[in-house]
Amino acid sequence: MICVQITVTGRVQGVFYRASTKNMALELNLNGWVRNEADGSVLIEAEGPKEQINQLINWCKIGPQYATVDQVIQKEVEKMNHQSFEIKH
């Protein structure tokens, strides 16, 4: 089990990126959260098996239909033992 923070830049707000991320995370049985940042990026914290985390990161590079992803930056962080996956506002 690992925990990563993923920052996604590009046209990623207003294109259902957060809702799509939550759906993908739930499909992969990952816990954590996703939120919009003031700079226009999306920040994700996801926790789970490394293989599923890598699948989420690969999905983030494409995102939902109307997103245009410029960059995906990830870093491993301390595990937080999240119990679900939620959208933070």
PDB file of N, CA and C in Angstrom:
ATOM      1  N   MET A   1       0.849  -1.195   0.000  1.00  0.00           N
ATOM      2  CA  MET A   1       0.000   0.000   0.000  1.00  0.00           C
ATOM      3  C   MET A   1       0.883   1.243   0.000  1.00  0.00           C
ATOM      4  N   ILE A   2       0.565   2.148  -0.910  1.00  0.00           N
ATOM      5  CA  ILE A   2       1.277   3.420  -0.944  1.00  0.00           C
ATOM      6  C   ILE A   2       0.258   4.554  -0.992  1.00  0.00           C
ATOM      7  N   CYS A   3       0.739   5.748  -0.717  1.00  0.00           N
ATOM      8  CA  CYS A   3      -0.091   6.950  -0.797  1.00  0.00           C
ATOM      9  C   CYS A   3       0.663   7.961  -1.651  1.00  0.00           C
ATOM     10  N   VAL A   4      -0.017   8.528  -2.649  1.00  0.00           N
ATOM     11  CA  VAL A   4       0.612   9.524  -3.516  1.00  0.00           C
ATOM     12  C   VAL A   4      -0.249  10.770  -3.599  1.00  0.00           C
ATOM     13  N   GLN A   5       0.447  11.897  -3.813  1.00  0.00           N
ATOM     14  CA  GLN A   5      -0.230  13.138  -4.173  1.00  0.00           C
ATOM     15  C   GLN A   5       0.046  13.360  -5.646  1.00  0.00           C
ATOM     16  N   ILE A   6      -1.001  13.649  -6.389  1.00  0.00           N
ATOM     17  CA  ILE A   6      -0.909  13.838  -7.833  1.00  0.00           C
ATOM     18  C   ILE A   6      -1.432  15.241  -8.150  1.00  0.00           C
ATOM     19  N   THR A   7      -0.608  16.032  -8.836  1.00  0.00           N
ATOM     20  CA  THR A   7      -1.036  17.353  -9.290  1.00  0.00           C
ATOM     21  C   THR A   7      -1.203  17.289 -10.802  1.00  0.00           C
ATOM     22  N   VAL A   8      -2.387  17.691 -11.268  1.00  0.00           N
ATOM     23  CA  VAL A   8      -2.688  17.648 -12.697  1.00  0.00           C
ATOM     24  C   VAL A   8      -2.929  19.073 -13.174  1.00  0.00           C
ATOM     25  N   THR A   9      -2.182  19.486 -14.208  1.00  0.00           N
ATOM     26  CA  THR A   9      -2.346  20.836 -14.753  1.00  0.00           C
ATOM     27  C   THR A   9      -2.863  20.750 -16.188  1.00  0.00           C
ATOM     28  N   GLY A  10      -3.417  21.860 -16.649  1.00  0.00           N
ATOM     29  CA  GLY A  10      -4.000  21.949 -17.987  1.00  0.00           C
ATOM     30  C   GLY A  10      -5.425  22.444 -17.866  1.00  0.00           C
ATOM     31  N   ARG A  11      -6.257  22.086 -18.838  1.00  0.00           N
ATOM     32  CA  ARG A  11      -7.683  22.431 -18.732  1.00  0.00           C
ATOM     33  C   ARG A  11      -8.352  21.281 -17.994  1.00  0.00           C
ATOM     34  N   VAL A  12      -8.323  21.379 -16.661  1.00  0.00           N
ATOM     35  CA  VAL A  12      -8.786  20.264 -15.831  1.00  0.00           C
ATOM     36  C   VAL A  12      -9.864  20.690 -14.825  1.00  0.00           C
ATOM     37  N   GLN A  13     -10.259  21.945 -14.872  1.00  0.00           N
ATOM     38  CA  GLN A  13     -11.375  22.387 -14.032  1.00  0.00           C
ATOM     39  C   GLN A  13     -12.545  22.726 -14.938  1.00  0.00           C
ATOM     40  N   GLY A  14     -13.755  22.379 -14.476  1.00  0.00           N
ATOM     41  CA  GLY A  14     -14.952  22.642 -15.272  1.00  0.00           C
ATOM     42  C   GLY A  14     -15.182  21.601 -16.363  1.00  0.00           C
ATOM     43  N   VAL A  15     -14.480  20.467 -16.283  1.00  0.00           N
ATOM     44  CA  VAL A  15     -14.617  19.404 -17.297  1.00  0.00           C
ATOM     45  C   VAL A  15     -14.916  18.052 -16.640  1.00  0.00           C
ATOM     46  N   PHE A  16     -15.464  18.091 -15.423  1.00  0.00           N
ATOM     47  CA  PHE A  16     -15.821  16.893 -14.651  1.00  0.00           C
ATOM     48  C   PHE A  16     -14.600  16.047 -14.265  1.00  0.00           C
ATOM     49  N   TYR A  17     -13.440  16.715 -14.128  1.00  0.00           N
ATOM     50  CA  TYR A  17     -12.226  15.975 -13.774  1.00  0.00           C
ATOM     51  C   TYR A  17     -12.346  15.354 -12.388  1.00  0.00           C
ATOM     52  N   ARG A  18     -12.859  16.120 -11.412  1.00  0.00           N
ATOM     53  CA  ARG A  18     -12.971  15.585 -10.044  1.00  0.00           C
ATOM     54  C   ARG A  18     -13.931  14.399  -9.984  1.00  0.00           C
ATOM     55  N   ALA A  19     -15.105  14.543 -10.578  1.00  0.00           N
ATOM     56  CA  ALA A  19     -16.095  13.456 -10.544  1.00  0.00           C
ATOM     57  C   ALA A  19     -15.561  12.225 -11.268  1.00  0.00           C
ATOM     58  N   SER A  20     -14.893  12.438 -12.396  1.00  0.00           N
ATOM     59  CA  SER A  20     -14.335  11.314 -13.153  1.00  0.00           C
ATOM     60  C   SER A  20     -13.211  10.638 -12.380  1.00  0.00           C
ATOM     61  N   THR A  21     -12.410  11.439 -11.682  1.00  0.00           N
ATOM     62  CA  THR A  21     -11.330  10.882 -10.860  1.00  0.00           C
ATOM     63  C   THR A  21     -11.908  10.020  -9.749  1.00  0.00           C
ATOM     64  N   LYS A  22     -12.969  10.517  -9.108  1.00  0.00           N
ATOM     65  CA  LYS A  22     -13.602   9.739  -8.048  1.00  0.00           C
ATOM     66  C   LYS A  22     -14.121   8.414  -8.595  1.00  0.00           C
ATOM     67  N   ASN A  23     -14.787   8.454  -9.742  1.00  0.00           N
ATOM     68  CA  ASN A  23     -15.306   7.221 -10.345  1.00  0.00           C
ATOM     69  C   ASN A  23     -14.179   6.234 -10.636  1.00  0.00           C
ATOM     70  N   MET A  24     -13.076   6.729 -11.203  1.00  0.00           N
ATOM     71  CA  MET A  24     -11.950   5.859 -11.532  1.00  0.00           C
ATOM     72  C   MET A  24     -11.325   5.293 -10.260  1.00  0.00           C
ATOM     73  N   ALA A  25     -11.168   6.125  -9.241  1.00  0.00           N
ATOM     74  CA  ALA A  25     -10.584   5.670  -7.973  1.00  0.00           C
ATOM     75  C   ALA A  25     -11.445   4.582  -7.334  1.00  0.00           C
ATOM     76  N   LEU A  26     -12.761   4.768  -7.372  1.00  0.00           N
ATOM     77  CA  LEU A  26     -13.663   3.767  -6.805  1.00  0.00           C
ATOM     78  C   LEU A  26     -13.587   2.462  -7.596  1.00  0.00           C
ATOM     79  N   GLU A  27     -13.484   2.584  -8.922  1.00  0.00           N
ATOM     80  CA  GLU A  27     -13.338   1.401  -9.777  1.00  0.00           C
ATOM     81  C   GLU A  27     -12.063   0.616  -9.417  1.00  0.00           C
ATOM     82  N   LEU A  28     -11.013   1.359  -9.054  1.00  0.00           N
ATOM     83  CA  LEU A  28      -9.724   0.751  -8.720  1.00  0.00           C
ATOM     84  C   LEU A  28      -9.602   0.407  -7.229  1.00  0.00           C
ATOM     85  N   ASN A  29     -10.680   0.648  -6.462  1.00  0.00           N
ATOM     86  CA  ASN A  29     -10.682   0.397  -5.011  1.00  0.00           C
ATOM     87  C   ASN A  29      -9.621   1.200  -4.270  1.00  0.00           C
ATOM     88  N   LEU A  30      -9.476   2.471  -4.655  1.00  0.00           N
ATOM     89  CA  LEU A  30      -8.529   3.364  -3.990  1.00  0.00           C
ATOM     90  C   LEU A  30      -9.282   4.289  -3.046  1.00  0.00           C
ATOM     91  N   ASN A  31      -8.612   4.749  -2.009  1.00  0.00           N
ATOM     92  CA  ASN A  31      -9.172   5.714  -1.073  1.00  0.00           C
ATOM     93  C   ASN A  31      -8.390   7.010  -1.184  1.00  0.00           C
ATOM     94  N   GLY A  32      -9.017   8.110  -0.739  1.00  0.00           N
ATOM     95  CA  GLY A  32      -8.350   9.409  -0.748  1.00  0.00           C
ATOM     96  C   GLY A  32      -9.322  10.516  -1.080  1.00  0.00           C
ATOM     97  N   TRP A  33      -8.846  11.513  -1.829  1.00  0.00           N
ATOM     98  CA  TRP A  33      -9.682  12.662  -2.173  1.00  0.00           C
ATOM     99  C   TRP A  33      -9.146  13.372  -3.412  1.00  0.00           C
ATOM    100  N   VAL A  34      -9.981  14.248  -3.964  1.00  0.00           N
ATOM    101  CA  VAL A  34      -9.613  15.083  -5.109  1.00  0.00           C
ATOM    102  C   VAL A  34     -10.216  16.462  -4.884  1.00  0.00           C
ATOM    103  N   ARG A  35      -9.464  17.505  -5.258  1.00  0.00           N
ATOM    104  CA  ARG A  35      -9.997  18.870  -5.131  1.00  0.00           C
ATOM    105  C   ARG A  35      -9.374  19.787  -6.177  1.00  0.00           C
ATOM    106  N   ASN A  36     -10.121  20.864  -6.516  1.00  0.00           N
ATOM    107  CA  ASN A  36      -9.605  21.914  -7.381  1.00  0.00           C
ATOM    108  C   ASN A  36      -8.710  22.823  -6.558  1.00  0.00           C
ATOM    109  N   GLU A  37      -7.628  23.291  -7.178  1.00  0.00           N
ATOM    110  CA  GLU A  37      -6.725  24.238  -6.533  1.00  0.00           C
ATOM    111  C   GLU A  37      -6.946  25.622  -7.129  1.00  0.00           C
ATOM    112  N   ALA A  38      -6.579  26.658  -6.381  1.00  0.00           N
ATOM    113  CA  ALA A  38      -6.784  28.040  -6.817  1.00  0.00           C
ATOM    114  C   ALA A  38      -6.026  28.369  -8.104  1.00  0.00           C
ATOM    115  N   ASP A  39      -4.925  27.657  -8.367  1.00  0.00           N
ATOM    116  CA  ASP A  39      -4.119  27.939  -9.564  1.00  0.00           C
ATOM    117  C   ASP A  39      -4.656  27.267 -10.831  1.00  0.00           C
ATOM    118  N   GLY A  40      -5.823  26.591 -10.725  1.00  0.00           N
ATOM    119  CA  GLY A  40      -6.418  25.952 -11.889  1.00  0.00           C
ATOM    120  C   GLY A  40      -6.071  24.478 -12.032  1.00  0.00           C
ATOM    121  N   SER A  41      -5.208  23.984 -11.166  1.00  0.00           N
ATOM    122  CA  SER A  41      -4.842  22.565 -11.209  1.00  0.00           C
ATOM    123  C   SER A  41      -5.826  21.740 -10.385  1.00  0.00           C
ATOM    124  N   VAL A  42      -5.666  20.427 -10.464  1.00  0.00           N
ATOM    125  CA  VAL A  42      -6.426  19.501  -9.635  1.00  0.00           C
ATOM    126  C   VAL A  42      -5.421  18.724  -8.795  1.00  0.00           C
ATOM    127  N   LEU A  43      -5.697  18.608  -7.497  1.00  0.00           N
ATOM    128  CA  LEU A  43      -4.837  17.874  -6.578  1.00  0.00           C
ATOM    129  C   LEU A  43      -5.563  16.619  -6.127  1.00  0.00           C
ATOM    130  N   ILE A  44      -4.862  15.498  -6.196  1.00  0.00           N
ATOM    131  CA  ILE A  44      -5.428  14.205  -5.824  1.00  0.00           C
ATOM    132  C   ILE A  44      -4.525  13.574  -4.779  1.00  0.00           C
ATOM    133  N   GLU A  45      -5.131  12.994  -3.756  1.00  0.00           N
ATOM    134  CA  GLU A  45      -4.380  12.145  -2.834  1.00  0.00           C
ATOM    135  C   GLU A  45      -5.034  10.776  -2.906  1.00  0.00           C
ATOM    136  N   ALA A  46      -4.243   9.777  -3.268  1.00  0.00           N
ATOM    137  CA  ALA A  46      -4.795   8.437  -3.452  1.00  0.00           C
ATOM    138  C   ALA A  46      -3.932   7.422  -2.721  1.00  0.00           C
ATOM    139  N   GLU A  47      -4.617   6.455  -2.135  1.00  0.00           N
ATOM    140  CA  GLU A  47      -3.955   5.441  -1.315  1.00  0.00           C
ATOM    141  C   GLU A  47      -4.455   4.063  -1.740  1.00  0.00           C
ATOM    142  N   GLY A  48      -3.516   3.124  -1.901  1.00  0.00           N
ATOM    143  CA  GLY A  48      -3.902   1.772  -2.260  1.00  0.00           C
ATOM    144  C   GLY A  48      -2.707   1.003  -2.788  1.00  0.00           C
ATOM    145  N   PRO A  49      -2.958  -0.160  -3.389  1.00  0.00           N
ATOM    146  CA  PRO A  49      -1.874  -0.963  -3.952  1.00  0.00           C
ATOM    147  C   PRO A  49      -1.172  -0.224  -5.095  1.00  0.00           C
ATOM    148  N   LYS A  50       0.132  -0.400  -5.184  1.00  0.00           N
ATOM    149  CA  LYS A  50       0.951   0.313  -6.169  1.00  0.00           C
ATOM    150  C   LYS A  50       0.430   0.140  -7.596  1.00  0.00           C
ATOM    151  N   GLU A  51       0.012  -1.065  -7.955  1.00  0.00           N
ATOM    152  CA  GLU A  51      -0.465  -1.313  -9.318  1.00  0.00           C
ATOM    153  C   GLU A  51      -1.682  -0.451  -9.649  1.00  0.00           C
ATOM    154  N   GLN A  52      -2.648  -0.385  -8.714  1.00  0.00           N
ATOM    155  CA  GLN A  52      -3.847   0.436  -8.948  1.00  0.00           C
ATOM    156  C   GLN A  52      -3.505   1.927  -8.942  1.00  0.00           C
ATOM    157  N   ILE A  53      -2.578   2.336  -8.088  1.00  0.00           N
ATOM    158  CA  ILE A  53      -2.135   3.741  -8.077  1.00  0.00           C
ATOM    159  C   ILE A  53      -1.550   4.090  -9.446  1.00  0.00           C
ATOM    160  N   ASN A  54      -0.721   3.207  -9.992  1.00  0.00           N
ATOM    161  CA  ASN A  54      -0.133   3.457 -11.310  1.00  0.00           C
ATOM    162  C   ASN A  54      -1.197   3.537 -12.395  1.00  0.00           C
ATOM    163  N   GLN A  55      -2.256   2.728 -12.282  1.00  0.00           N
ATOM    164  CA  GLN A  55      -3.361   2.802 -13.243  1.00  0.00           C
ATOM    165  C   GLN A  55      -4.057   4.153 -13.148  1.00  0.00           C
ATOM    166  N   LEU A  56      -4.249   4.651 -11.919  1.00  0.00           N
ATOM    167  CA  LEU A  56      -4.873   5.965 -11.739  1.00  0.00           C
ATOM    168  C   LEU A  56      -3.988   7.059 -12.332  1.00  0.00           C
ATOM    169  N   ILE A  57      -2.684   6.992 -12.077  1.00  0.00           N
ATOM    170  CA  ILE A  57      -1.760   8.000 -12.621  1.00  0.00           C
ATOM    171  C   ILE A  57      -1.818   8.001 -14.148  1.00  0.00           C
ATOM    172  N   ASN A  58      -1.824   6.823 -14.754  1.00  0.00           N
ATOM    173  CA  ASN A  58      -1.920   6.739 -16.220  1.00  0.00           C
ATOM    174  C   ASN A  58      -3.231   7.323 -16.721  1.00  0.00           C
ATOM    175  N   TRP A  59      -4.332   7.076 -15.985  1.00  0.00           N
ATOM    176  CA  TRP A  59      -5.624   7.652 -16.366  1.00  0.00           C
ATOM    177  C   TRP A  59      -5.572   9.178 -16.261  1.00  0.00           C
ATOM    178  N   CYS A  60      -4.916   9.690 -15.216  1.00  0.00           N
ATOM    179  CA  CYS A  60      -4.826  11.143 -15.002  1.00  0.00           C
ATOM    180  C   CYS A  60      -4.159  11.857 -16.169  1.00  0.00           C
ATOM    181  N   LYS A  61      -3.271  11.174 -16.865  1.00  0.00           N
ATOM    182  CA  LYS A  61      -2.557  11.778 -17.998  1.00  0.00           C
ATOM    183  C   LYS A  61      -3.489  12.044 -19.177  1.00  0.00           C
ATOM    184  N   ILE A  62      -4.657  11.394 -19.182  1.00  0.00           N
ATOM    185  CA  ILE A  62      -5.655  11.580 -20.235  1.00  0.00           C
ATOM    186  C   ILE A  62      -6.861  12.328 -19.671  1.00  0.00           C
ATOM    187  N   GLY A  63      -7.389  11.825 -18.551  1.00  0.00           N
ATOM    188  CA  GLY A  63      -8.524  12.459 -17.895  1.00  0.00           C
ATOM    189  C   GLY A  63      -9.830  12.229 -18.638  1.00  0.00           C
ATOM    190  N   PRO A  64     -10.881  12.935 -18.223  1.00  0.00           N
ATOM    191  CA  PRO A  64     -12.185  12.791 -18.867  1.00  0.00           C
ATOM    192  C   PRO A  64     -12.194  13.425 -20.262  1.00  0.00           C
ATOM    193  N   GLN A  65     -13.267  13.218 -20.974  1.00  0.00           N
ATOM    194  CA  GLN A  65     -13.384  13.583 -22.389  1.00  0.00           C
ATOM    195  C   GLN A  65     -12.970  15.024 -22.711  1.00  0.00           C
ATOM    196  N   TYR A  66     -13.396  16.008 -21.924  1.00  0.00           N
ATOM    197  CA  TYR A  66     -13.172  17.408 -22.297  1.00  0.00           C
ATOM    198  C   TYR A  66     -11.924  18.013 -21.654  1.00  0.00           C
ATOM    199  N   ALA A  67     -11.183  17.220 -20.928  1.00  0.00           N
ATOM    200  CA  ALA A  67      -9.961  17.717 -20.291  1.00  0.00           C
ATOM    201  C   ALA A  67      -8.812  17.771 -21.296  1.00  0.00           C
ATOM    202  N   THR A  68      -7.905  18.717 -21.054  1.00  0.00           N
ATOM    203  CA  THR A  68      -6.646  18.781 -21.788  1.00  0.00           C
ATOM    204  C   THR A  68      -5.549  18.798 -20.735  1.00  0.00           C
ATOM    205  N   VAL A  69      -4.874  17.673 -20.553  1.00  0.00           N
ATOM    206  CA  VAL A  69      -3.871  17.547 -19.498  1.00  0.00           C
ATOM    207  C   VAL A  69      -2.513  17.982 -20.037  1.00  0.00           C
ATOM    208  N   ASP A  70      -1.884  18.929 -19.329  1.00  0.00           N
ATOM    209  CA  ASP A  70      -0.537  19.383 -19.701  1.00  0.00           C
ATOM    210  C   ASP A  70       0.524  18.590 -18.943  1.00  0.00           C
ATOM    211  N   GLN A  71       0.295  18.392 -17.659  1.00  0.00           N
ATOM    212  CA  GLN A  71       1.332  17.774 -16.832  1.00  0.00           C
ATOM    213  C   GLN A  71       0.706  17.021 -15.665  1.00  0.00           C
ATOM    214  N   VAL A  72       1.323  15.892 -15.310  1.00  0.00           N
ATOM    215  CA  VAL A  72       0.927  15.117 -14.131  1.00  0.00           C
ATOM    216  C   VAL A  72       2.183  14.923 -13.293  1.00  0.00           C
ATOM    217  N   ILE A  73       2.153  15.469 -12.084  1.00  0.00           N
ATOM    218  CA  ILE A  73       3.292  15.359 -11.168  1.00  0.00           C
ATOM    219  C   ILE A  73       2.848  14.524  -9.984  1.00  0.00           C
ATOM    220  N   GLN A  74       3.648  13.525  -9.633  1.00  0.00           N
ATOM    221  CA  GLN A  74       3.274  12.689  -8.499  1.00  0.00           C
ATOM    222  C   GLN A  74       4.427  12.601  -7.515  1.00  0.00           C
ATOM    223  N   LYS A  75       4.053  12.469  -6.253  1.00  0.00           N
ATOM    224  CA  LYS A  75       5.056  12.218  -5.215  1.00  0.00           C
ATOM    225  C   LYS A  75       4.436  11.345  -4.148  1.00  0.00           C
ATOM    226  N   GLU A  76       5.252  10.459  -3.636  1.00  0.00           N
ATOM    227  CA  GLU A  76       4.777   9.574  -2.576  1.00  0.00           C
ATOM    228  C   GLU A  76       4.742  10.368  -1.272  1.00  0.00           C
ATOM    229  N   VAL A  77       3.682  10.192  -0.505  1.00  0.00           N
ATOM    230  CA  VAL A  77       3.519  10.880   0.779  1.00  0.00           C
ATOM    231  C   VAL A  77       3.197   9.846   1.852  1.00  0.00           C
ATOM    232  N   GLU A  78       3.195  10.313   3.087  1.00  0.00           N
ATOM    233  CA  GLU A  78       2.894   9.423   4.212  1.00  0.00           C
ATOM    234  C   GLU A  78       1.468   8.899   4.116  1.00  0.00           C
ATOM    235  N   LYS A  79       1.272   7.619   4.411  1.00  0.00           N
ATOM    236  CA  LYS A  79      -0.066   7.027   4.365  1.00  0.00           C
ATOM    237  C   LYS A  79      -0.975   7.683   5.406  1.00  0.00           C
ATOM    238  N   MET A  80      -2.212   7.951   4.989  1.00  0.00           N
ATOM    239  CA  MET A  80      -3.176   8.637   5.851  1.00  0.00           C
ATOM    240  C   MET A  80      -4.319   7.720   6.278  1.00  0.00           C
ATOM    241  N   ASN A  81      -4.355   6.491   5.799  1.00  0.00           N
ATOM    242  CA  ASN A  81      -5.427   5.543   6.109  1.00  0.00           C
ATOM    243  C   ASN A  81      -6.817   6.107   5.813  1.00  0.00           C
ATOM    244  N   HIS A  82      -6.969   6.646   4.607  1.00  0.00           N
ATOM    245  CA  HIS A  82      -8.282   7.125   4.152  1.00  0.00           C
ATOM    246  C   HIS A  82      -9.250   5.945   4.114  1.00  0.00           C
ATOM    247  N   GLN A  83     -10.507   6.212   4.422  1.00  0.00           N
ATOM    248  CA  GLN A  83     -11.521   5.153   4.480  1.00  0.00           C
ATOM    249  C   GLN A  83     -12.436   5.137   3.251  1.00  0.00           C
ATOM    250  N   SER A  84     -12.363   6.181   2.421  1.00  0.00           N
ATOM    251  CA  SER A  84     -13.222   6.281   1.252  1.00  0.00           C
ATOM    252  C   SER A  84     -12.533   7.210   0.246  1.00  0.00           C
ATOM    253  N   PHE A  85     -13.193   7.500  -0.852  1.00  0.00           N
ATOM    254  CA  PHE A  85     -12.657   8.485  -1.806  1.00  0.00           C
ATOM    255  C   PHE A  85     -13.698   9.581  -1.958  1.00  0.00           C
ATOM    256  N   GLU A  86     -13.305  10.814  -1.726  1.00  0.00           N
ATOM    257  CA  GLU A  86     -14.277  11.901  -1.752  1.00  0.00           C
ATOM    258  C   GLU A  86     -13.792  13.080  -2.576  1.00  0.00           C
ATOM    259  N   ILE A  87     -14.752  13.901  -2.975  1.00  0.00           N
ATOM    260  CA  ILE A  87     -14.454  15.168  -3.646  1.00  0.00           C
ATOM    261  C   ILE A  87     -14.451  16.236  -2.580  1.00  0.00           C
ATOM    262  N   LYS A  88     -13.331  16.937  -2.450  1.00  0.00           N
ATOM    263  CA  LYS A  88     -13.250  18.055  -1.498  1.00  0.00           C
ATOM    264  C   LYS A  88     -13.577  19.345  -2.219  1.00  0.00           C
ATOM    265  N   HIS A  89     -14.311  20.218  -1.533  1.00  0.00           N
ATOM    266  CA  HIS A  89     -14.692  21.504  -2.122  1.00  0.00           C
ATOM    267  C   HIS A  89     -13.949  22.645  -1.460  1.00  0.00           C
TER     268      HIS A  89
END
